[in-house]
Amino acid sequence: MGQGDYCKILTPALCRAARGYLDWTQMDLAERSGVSRSTIRDYEGDRHDVHRATEAQLRLAFETAGIAFVRMEGDQFGVCPKAVN
């Protein structure tokens, strides 16, 4: 049961960048996402990958806080504030 052509958006570096933009600690992200701080620490430190569902929880926490993930050249992603209408 593989993940097929799943395209991961949230890399460890983007996770750190999004936290930095929001001025969140790893504990802040853990509380808002429901993901343990140790999982966030290990992921951001490139110690292990995260499951699809965990990435979705982290992304939802960031997106709810006003972060947008944008596709850039070469299938790279960046973070920026969501546009306010």
PDB file of N, CA and C in Angstrom:
ATOM      1  N   MET A   1       0.851  -1.184   0.000  1.00  0.00           N
ATOM      2  CA  MET A   1       0.000   0.000   0.000  1.00  0.00           C
ATOM      3  C   MET A   1       0.893   1.242   0.000  1.00  0.00           C
ATOM      4  N   GLY A   2       1.335   1.680  -1.180  1.00  0.00           N
ATOM      5  CA  GLY A   2       2.206   2.836  -1.298  1.00  0.00           C
ATOM      6  C   GLY A   2       1.417   4.127  -1.405  1.00  0.00           C
ATOM      7  N   GLN A   3       2.156   5.211  -1.482  1.00  0.00           N
ATOM      8  CA  GLN A   3       1.520   6.514  -1.562  1.00  0.00           C
ATOM      9  C   GLN A   3       1.435   7.012  -2.992  1.00  0.00           C
ATOM     10  N   GLY A   4       1.797   6.179  -3.954  1.00  0.00           N
ATOM     11  CA  GLY A   4       1.611   6.530  -5.354  1.00  0.00           C
ATOM     12  C   GLY A   4       2.340   7.790  -5.762  1.00  0.00           C
ATOM     13  N   ASP A   5       1.651   8.622  -6.530  1.00  0.00           N
ATOM     14  CA  ASP A   5       2.239   9.849  -7.045  1.00  0.00           C
ATOM     15  C   ASP A   5       2.030  11.028  -6.110  1.00  0.00           C
ATOM     16  N   TYR A   6       1.873  10.764  -4.840  1.00  0.00           N
ATOM     17  CA  TYR A   6       1.650  11.808  -3.839  1.00  0.00           C
ATOM     18  C   TYR A   6       2.783  12.821  -3.878  1.00  0.00           C
ATOM     19  N   CYS A   7       2.432  14.087  -3.929  1.00  0.00           N
ATOM     20  CA  CYS A   7       3.409  15.175  -3.971  1.00  0.00           C
ATOM     21  C   CYS A   7       3.483  15.839  -2.600  1.00  0.00           C
ATOM     22  N   LYS A   8       4.581  15.624  -1.933  1.00  0.00           N
ATOM     23  CA  LYS A   8       4.760  16.242  -0.612  1.00  0.00           C
ATOM     24  C   LYS A   8       5.044  17.726  -0.788  1.00  0.00           C
ATOM     25  N   ILE A   9       4.322  18.540  -0.064  1.00  0.00           N
ATOM     26  CA  ILE A   9       4.516  19.982  -0.112  1.00  0.00           C
ATOM     27  C   ILE A   9       5.351  20.447   1.078  1.00  0.00           C
ATOM     28  N   LEU A  10       5.023  19.975   2.255  1.00  0.00           N
ATOM     29  CA  LEU A  10       5.652  20.468   3.475  1.00  0.00           C
ATOM     30  C   LEU A  10       6.963  19.733   3.743  1.00  0.00           C
ATOM     31  N   THR A  11       8.065  20.354   3.372  1.00  0.00           N
ATOM     32  CA  THR A  11       9.384  19.808   3.661  1.00  0.00           C
ATOM     33  C   THR A  11       9.794  20.247   5.072  1.00  0.00           C
ATOM     34  N   PRO A  12      10.819  19.630   5.638  1.00  0.00           N
ATOM     35  CA  PRO A  12      11.296  20.089   6.937  1.00  0.00           C
ATOM     36  C   PRO A  12      11.664  21.584   6.933  1.00  0.00           C
ATOM     37  N   ALA A  13      12.318  22.034   5.868  1.00  0.00           N
ATOM     38  CA  ALA A  13      12.706  23.452   5.784  1.00  0.00           C
ATOM     39  C   ALA A  13      11.480  24.364   5.723  1.00  0.00           C
ATOM     40  N   LEU A  14      10.446  23.962   4.966  1.00  0.00           N
ATOM     41  CA  LEU A  14       9.231  24.779   4.896  1.00  0.00           C
ATOM     42  C   LEU A  14       8.493  24.784   6.227  1.00  0.00           C
ATOM     43  N   CYS A  15       8.543  23.679   6.939  1.00  0.00           N
ATOM     44  CA  CYS A  15       7.917  23.617   8.250  1.00  0.00           C
ATOM     45  C   CYS A  15       8.586  24.629   9.188  1.00  0.00           C
ATOM     46  N   ARG A  16       9.913  24.646   9.190  1.00  0.00           N
ATOM     47  CA  ARG A  16      10.646  25.619  10.012  1.00  0.00           C
ATOM     48  C   ARG A  16      10.341  27.050   9.566  1.00  0.00           C
ATOM     49  N   ALA A  17      10.284  27.267   8.242  1.00  0.00           N
ATOM     50  CA  ALA A  17      10.021  28.606   7.712  1.00  0.00           C
ATOM     51  C   ALA A  17       8.630  29.096   8.101  1.00  0.00           C
ATOM     52  N   ALA A  18       7.637  28.220   7.985  1.00  0.00           N
ATOM     53  CA  ALA A  18       6.269  28.607   8.335  1.00  0.00           C
ATOM     54  C   ALA A  18       6.169  28.910   9.827  1.00  0.00           C
ATOM     55  N   ARG A  19       6.822  28.099  10.654  1.00  0.00           N
ATOM     56  CA  ARG A  19       6.827  28.379  12.091  1.00  0.00           C
ATOM     57  C   ARG A  19       7.486  29.714  12.372  1.00  0.00           C
ATOM     58  N   GLY A  20       8.605  29.957  11.693  1.00  0.00           N
ATOM     59  CA  GLY A  20       9.317  31.217  11.890  1.00  0.00           C
ATOM     60  C   GLY A  20       8.476  32.416  11.492  1.00  0.00           C
ATOM     61  N   TYR A  21       7.781  32.285  10.369  1.00  0.00           N
ATOM     62  CA  TYR A  21       6.921  33.380   9.914  1.00  0.00           C
ATOM     63  C   TYR A  21       5.850  33.697  10.960  1.00  0.00           C
ATOM     64  N   LEU A  22       5.303  32.657  11.565  1.00  0.00           N
ATOM     65  CA  LEU A  22       4.249  32.834  12.576  1.00  0.00           C
ATOM     66  C   LEU A  22       4.811  33.089  13.973  1.00  0.00           C
ATOM     67  N   ASP A  23       6.129  33.001  14.112  1.00  0.00           N
ATOM     68  CA  ASP A  23       6.795  33.127  15.411  1.00  0.00           C
ATOM     69  C   ASP A  23       6.293  32.063  16.390  1.00  0.00           C
ATOM     70  N   TRP A  24       6.149  30.843  15.871  1.00  0.00           N
ATOM     71  CA  TRP A  24       5.696  29.711  16.671  1.00  0.00           C
ATOM     72  C   TRP A  24       6.879  28.855  17.075  1.00  0.00           C
ATOM     73  N   THR A  25       6.812  28.324  18.269  1.00  0.00           N
ATOM     74  CA  THR A  25       7.757  27.303  18.701  1.00  0.00           C
ATOM     75  C   THR A  25       7.261  25.952  18.193  1.00  0.00           C
ATOM     76  N   GLN A  26       8.080  24.939  18.346  1.00  0.00           N
ATOM     77  CA  GLN A  26       7.622  23.592  17.999  1.00  0.00           C
ATOM     78  C   GLN A  26       6.434  23.204  18.874  1.00  0.00           C
ATOM     79  N   MET A  27       6.432  23.647  20.128  1.00  0.00           N
ATOM     80  CA  MET A  27       5.316  23.329  21.023  1.00  0.00           C
ATOM     81  C   MET A  27       4.037  24.032  20.554  1.00  0.00           C
ATOM     82  N   ASP A  28       4.149  25.257  20.075  1.00  0.00           N
ATOM     83  CA  ASP A  28       2.973  25.959  19.532  1.00  0.00           C
ATOM     84  C   ASP A  28       2.373  25.162  18.384  1.00  0.00           C
ATOM     85  N   LEU A  29       3.228  24.712  17.468  1.00  0.00           N
ATOM     86  CA  LEU A  29       2.747  23.934  16.331  1.00  0.00           C
ATOM     87  C   LEU A  29       2.135  22.618  16.800  1.00  0.00           C
ATOM     88  N   ALA A  30       2.758  21.982  17.763  1.00  0.00           N
ATOM     89  CA  ALA A  30       2.231  20.725  18.294  1.00  0.00           C
ATOM     90  C   ALA A  30       0.828  20.917  18.859  1.00  0.00           C
ATOM     91  N   GLU A  31       0.639  21.960  19.629  1.00  0.00           N
ATOM     92  CA  GLU A  31      -0.670  22.227  20.231  1.00  0.00           C
ATOM     93  C   GLU A  31      -1.719  22.536  19.177  1.00  0.00           C
ATOM     94  N   ARG A  32      -1.350  23.258  18.143  1.00  0.00           N
ATOM     95  CA  ARG A  32      -2.320  23.665  17.123  1.00  0.00           C
ATOM     96  C   ARG A  32      -2.615  22.561  16.096  1.00  0.00           C
ATOM     97  N   SER A  33      -1.681  21.629  15.960  1.00  0.00           N
ATOM     98  CA  SER A  33      -1.841  20.591  14.930  1.00  0.00           C
ATOM     99  C   SER A  33      -2.260  19.235  15.479  1.00  0.00           C
ATOM    100  N   GLY A  34      -2.019  19.013  16.766  1.00  0.00           N
ATOM    101  CA  GLY A  34      -2.293  17.697  17.329  1.00  0.00           C
ATOM    102  C   GLY A  34      -1.191  16.686  17.027  1.00  0.00           C
ATOM    103  N   VAL A  35      -0.047  17.164  16.548  1.00  0.00           N
ATOM    104  CA  VAL A  35       1.115  16.317  16.266  1.00  0.00           C
ATOM    105  C   VAL A  35       2.096  16.513  17.417  1.00  0.00           C
ATOM    106  N   SER A  36       2.706  15.437  17.884  1.00  0.00           N
ATOM    107  CA  SER A  36       3.605  15.553  19.032  1.00  0.00           C
ATOM    108  C   SER A  36       4.813  16.424  18.704  1.00  0.00           C
ATOM    109  N   ARG A  37       5.319  17.111  19.731  1.00  0.00           N
ATOM    110  CA  ARG A  37       6.489  17.960  19.556  1.00  0.00           C
ATOM    111  C   ARG A  37       7.693  17.126  19.127  1.00  0.00           C
ATOM    112  N   SER A  38       7.810  15.917  19.643  1.00  0.00           N
ATOM    113  CA  SER A  38       8.956  15.079  19.265  1.00  0.00           C
ATOM    114  C   SER A  38       8.897  14.702  17.781  1.00  0.00           C
ATOM    115  N   THR A  39       7.698  14.468  17.250  1.00  0.00           N
ATOM    116  CA  THR A  39       7.565  14.180  15.816  1.00  0.00           C
ATOM    117  C   THR A  39       7.970  15.404  15.004  1.00  0.00           C
ATOM    118  N   ILE A  40       7.534  16.581  15.421  1.00  0.00           N
ATOM    119  CA  ILE A  40       7.892  17.826  14.726  1.00  0.00           C
ATOM    120  C   ILE A  40       9.403  18.043  14.796  1.00  0.00           C
ATOM    121  N   ARG A  41       9.987  17.864  15.975  1.00  0.00           N
ATOM    122  CA  ARG A  41      11.436  18.026  16.155  1.00  0.00           C
ATOM    123  C   ARG A  41      12.205  17.080  15.233  1.00  0.00           C
ATOM    124  N   ASP A  42      11.809  15.810  15.235  1.00  0.00           N
ATOM    125  CA  ASP A  42      12.517  14.829  14.407  1.00  0.00           C
ATOM    126  C   ASP A  42      12.334  15.101  12.917  1.00  0.00           C
ATOM    127  N   TYR A  43      11.143  15.545  12.525  1.00  0.00           N
ATOM    128  CA  TYR A  43      10.896  15.853  11.117  1.00  0.00           C
ATOM    129  C   TYR A  43      11.710  17.069  10.678  1.00  0.00           C
ATOM    130  N   GLU A  44      11.644  18.132  11.453  1.00  0.00           N
ATOM    131  CA  GLU A  44      12.390  19.334  11.094  1.00  0.00           C
ATOM    132  C   GLU A  44      13.899  19.100  11.120  1.00  0.00           C
ATOM    133  N   GLY A  45      14.341  18.169  11.923  1.00  0.00           N
ATOM    134  CA  GLY A  45      15.762  17.842  11.996  1.00  0.00           C
ATOM    135  C   GLY A  45      16.190  16.781  10.991  1.00  0.00           C
ATOM    136  N   ASP A  46      15.300  16.438  10.058  1.00  0.00           N
ATOM    137  CA  ASP A  46      15.565  15.437   9.024  1.00  0.00           C
ATOM    138  C   ASP A  46      15.920  14.066   9.605  1.00  0.00           C
ATOM    139  N   ARG A  47      15.351  13.759  10.780  1.00  0.00           N
ATOM    140  CA  ARG A  47      15.603  12.450  11.384  1.00  0.00           C
ATOM    141  C   ARG A  47      14.667  11.385  10.824  1.00  0.00           C
ATOM    142  N   HIS A  48      13.472  11.799  10.412  1.00  0.00           N
ATOM    143  CA  HIS A  48      12.547  10.876   9.762  1.00  0.00           C
ATOM    144  C   HIS A  48      11.488  11.654   9.001  1.00  0.00           C
ATOM    145  N   ASP A  49      10.823  10.965   8.096  1.00  0.00           N
ATOM    146  CA  ASP A  49       9.757  11.548   7.298  1.00  0.00           C
ATOM    147  C   ASP A  49       8.453  11.490   8.101  1.00  0.00           C
ATOM    148  N   VAL A  50       7.422  12.149   7.616  1.00  0.00           N
ATOM    149  CA  VAL A  50       6.113  12.062   8.264  1.00  0.00           C
ATOM    150  C   VAL A  50       5.117  11.421   7.301  1.00  0.00           C
ATOM    151  N   HIS A  51       4.104  10.813   7.875  1.00  0.00           N
ATOM    152  CA  HIS A  51       3.038  10.220   7.081  1.00  0.00           C
ATOM    153  C   HIS A  51       2.210  11.319   6.431  1.00  0.00           C
ATOM    154  N   ARG A  52       1.495  10.938   5.422  1.00  0.00           N
ATOM    155  CA  ARG A  52       0.622  11.852   4.688  1.00  0.00           C
ATOM    156  C   ARG A  52      -0.368  12.556   5.625  1.00  0.00           C
ATOM    157  N   ALA A  53      -0.966  11.804   6.525  1.00  0.00           N
ATOM    158  CA  ALA A  53      -1.955  12.374   7.447  1.00  0.00           C
ATOM    159  C   ALA A  53      -1.314  13.384   8.395  1.00  0.00           C
ATOM    160  N   THR A  54      -0.083  13.110   8.819  1.00  0.00           N
ATOM    161  CA  THR A  54       0.624  14.033   9.704  1.00  0.00           C
ATOM    162  C   THR A  54       0.951  15.323   8.969  1.00  0.00           C
ATOM    163  N   GLU A  55       1.403  15.191   7.723  1.00  0.00           N
ATOM    164  CA  GLU A  55       1.668  16.386   6.926  1.00  0.00           C
ATOM    165  C   GLU A  55       0.391  17.210   6.777  1.00  0.00           C
ATOM    166  N   ALA A  56      -0.729  16.547   6.558  1.00  0.00           N
ATOM    167  CA  ALA A  56      -2.006  17.253   6.405  1.00  0.00           C
ATOM    168  C   ALA A  56      -2.368  18.001   7.682  1.00  0.00           C
ATOM    169  N   GLN A  57      -2.131  17.397   8.839  1.00  0.00           N
ATOM    170  CA  GLN A  57      -2.426  18.071  10.112  1.00  0.00           C
ATOM    171  C   GLN A  57      -1.555  19.315  10.278  1.00  0.00           C
ATOM    172  N   LEU A  58      -0.278  19.190   9.951  1.00  0.00           N
ATOM    173  CA  LEU A  58       0.639  20.331  10.080  1.00  0.00           C
ATOM    174  C   LEU A  58       0.245  21.441   9.113  1.00  0.00           C
ATOM    175  N   ARG A  59      -0.015  21.063   7.870  1.00  0.00           N
ATOM    176  CA  ARG A  59      -0.413  22.072   6.878  1.00  0.00           C
ATOM    177  C   ARG A  59      -1.702  22.770   7.270  1.00  0.00           C
ATOM    178  N   LEU A  60      -2.673  22.031   7.772  1.00  0.00           N
ATOM    179  CA  LEU A  60      -3.939  22.632   8.186  1.00  0.00           C
ATOM    180  C   LEU A  60      -3.717  23.643   9.301  1.00  0.00           C
ATOM    181  N   ALA A  61      -2.861  23.318  10.249  1.00  0.00           N
ATOM    182  CA  ALA A  61      -2.566  24.266  11.334  1.00  0.00           C
ATOM    183  C   ALA A  61      -1.968  25.549  10.767  1.00  0.00           C
ATOM    184  N   PHE A  62      -1.023  25.410   9.844  1.00  0.00           N
ATOM    185  CA  PHE A  62      -0.412  26.592   9.236  1.00  0.00           C
ATOM    186  C   PHE A  62      -1.424  27.381   8.407  1.00  0.00           C
ATOM    187  N   GLU A  63      -2.204  26.695   7.604  1.00  0.00           N
ATOM    188  CA  GLU A  63      -3.171  27.371   6.738  1.00  0.00           C
ATOM    189  C   GLU A  63      -4.249  28.071   7.558  1.00  0.00           C
ATOM    190  N   THR A  64      -4.674  27.471   8.645  1.00  0.00           N
ATOM    191  CA  THR A  64      -5.665  28.090   9.533  1.00  0.00           C
ATOM    192  C   THR A  64      -5.106  29.369  10.157  1.00  0.00           C
ATOM    193  N   ALA A  65      -3.795  29.378  10.370  1.00  0.00           N
ATOM    194  CA  ALA A  65      -3.133  30.554  10.961  1.00  0.00           C
ATOM    195  C   ALA A  65      -2.796  31.617   9.922  1.00  0.00           C
ATOM    196  N   GLY A  66      -3.092  31.361   8.635  1.00  0.00           N
ATOM    197  CA  GLY A  66      -2.895  32.387   7.619  1.00  0.00           C
ATOM    198  C   GLY A  66      -1.718  32.170   6.693  1.00  0.00           C
ATOM    199  N   ILE A  67      -1.137  30.983   6.694  1.00  0.00           N
ATOM    200  CA  ILE A  67      -0.017  30.685   5.796  1.00  0.00           C
ATOM    201  C   ILE A  67      -0.548  30.027   4.525  1.00  0.00           C
ATOM    202  N   ALA A  68       0.024  30.407   3.386  1.00  0.00           N
ATOM    203  CA  ALA A  68      -0.287  29.757   2.115  1.00  0.00           C
ATOM    204  C   ALA A  68       0.981  29.095   1.597  1.00  0.00           C
ATOM    205  N   PHE A  69       0.813  27.933   1.003  1.00  0.00           N
ATOM    206  CA  PHE A  69       1.924  27.230   0.371  1.00  0.00           C
ATOM    207  C   PHE A  69       1.779  27.446  -1.127  1.00  0.00           C
ATOM    208  N   VAL A  70       2.813  27.980  -1.755  1.00  0.00           N
ATOM    209  CA  VAL A  70       2.745  28.324  -3.171  1.00  0.00           C
ATOM    210  C   VAL A  70       3.777  27.533  -3.961  1.00  0.00           C
ATOM    211  N   ARG A  71       3.352  27.072  -5.142  1.00  0.00           N
ATOM    212  CA  ARG A  71       4.264  26.332  -6.025  1.00  0.00           C
ATOM    213  C   ARG A  71       5.145  27.338  -6.748  1.00  0.00           C
ATOM    214  N   MET A  72       6.425  27.018  -6.782  1.00  0.00           N
ATOM    215  CA  MET A  72       7.395  27.864  -7.456  1.00  0.00           C
ATOM    216  C   MET A  72       8.032  27.070  -8.587  1.00  0.00           C
ATOM    217  N   GLU A  73       9.011  27.618  -9.238  1.00  0.00           N
ATOM    218  CA  GLU A  73       9.692  26.946 -10.342  1.00  0.00           C
ATOM    219  C   GLU A  73      10.275  25.613  -9.902  1.00  0.00           C
ATOM    220  N   GLY A  74      10.255  24.656 -10.815  1.00  0.00           N
ATOM    221  CA  GLY A  74      10.900  23.385 -10.560  1.00  0.00           C
ATOM    222  C   GLY A  74      10.225  22.527  -9.502  1.00  0.00           C
ATOM    223  N   ASP A  75       8.920  22.647  -9.356  1.00  0.00           N
ATOM    224  CA  ASP A  75       8.160  21.877  -8.366  1.00  0.00           C
ATOM    225  C   ASP A  75       8.625  22.129  -6.938  1.00  0.00           C
ATOM    226  N   GLN A  76       9.143  23.302  -6.679  1.00  0.00           N
ATOM    227  CA  GLN A  76       9.501  23.713  -5.328  1.00  0.00           C
ATOM    228  C   GLN A  76       8.312  24.466  -4.735  1.00  0.00           C
ATOM    229  N   PHE A  77       8.240  24.533  -3.416  1.00  0.00           N
ATOM    230  CA  PHE A  77       7.168  25.257  -2.748  1.00  0.00           C
ATOM    231  C   PHE A  77       7.756  26.285  -1.806  1.00  0.00           C
ATOM    232  N   GLY A  78       6.997  27.336  -1.577  1.00  0.00           N
ATOM    233  CA  GLY A  78       7.380  28.375  -0.640  1.00  0.00           C
ATOM    234  C   GLY A  78       6.200  28.702   0.259  1.00  0.00           C
ATOM    235  N   VAL A  79       6.439  29.533   1.257  1.00  0.00           N
ATOM    236  CA  VAL A  79       5.370  29.960   2.164  1.00  0.00           C
ATOM    237  C   VAL A  79       5.212  31.468   2.069  1.00  0.00           C
ATOM    238  N   CYS A  80       3.991  31.912   2.221  1.00  0.00           N
ATOM    239  CA  CYS A  80       3.701  33.341   2.243  1.00  0.00           C
ATOM    240  C   CYS A  80       2.375  33.534   2.984  1.00  0.00           C
ATOM    241  N   PRO A  81       2.060  34.765   3.354  1.00  0.00           N
ATOM    242  CA  PRO A  81       0.752  34.991   4.002  1.00  0.00           C
ATOM    243  C   PRO A  81      -0.356  34.818   2.972  1.00  0.00           C
ATOM    244  N   LYS A  82      -1.485  34.306   3.447  1.00  0.00           N
ATOM    245  CA  LYS A  82      -2.652  34.192   2.579  1.00  0.00           C
ATOM    246  C   LYS A  82      -3.137  35.585   2.210  1.00  0.00           C
ATOM    247  N   ALA A  83      -3.636  35.712   1.003  1.00  0.00           N
ATOM    248  CA  ALA A  83      -4.206  36.984   0.564  1.00  0.00           C
ATOM    249  C   ALA A  83      -5.483  37.242   1.351  1.00  0.00           C
ATOM    250  N   VAL A  84      -5.659  38.465   1.808  1.00  0.00           N
ATOM    251  CA  VAL A  84      -6.863  38.847   2.543  1.00  0.00           C
ATOM    252  C   VAL A  84      -7.774  39.591   1.596  1.00  0.00           C
ATOM    253  N   ASN A  85      -9.004  39.128   1.467  1.00  0.00           N
ATOM    254  CA  ASN A  85      -9.970  39.765   0.562  1.00  0.00           C
ATOM    255  C   ASN A  85     -10.752  40.840   1.264  1.00  0.00           C
TER     256      ASN A  85
END
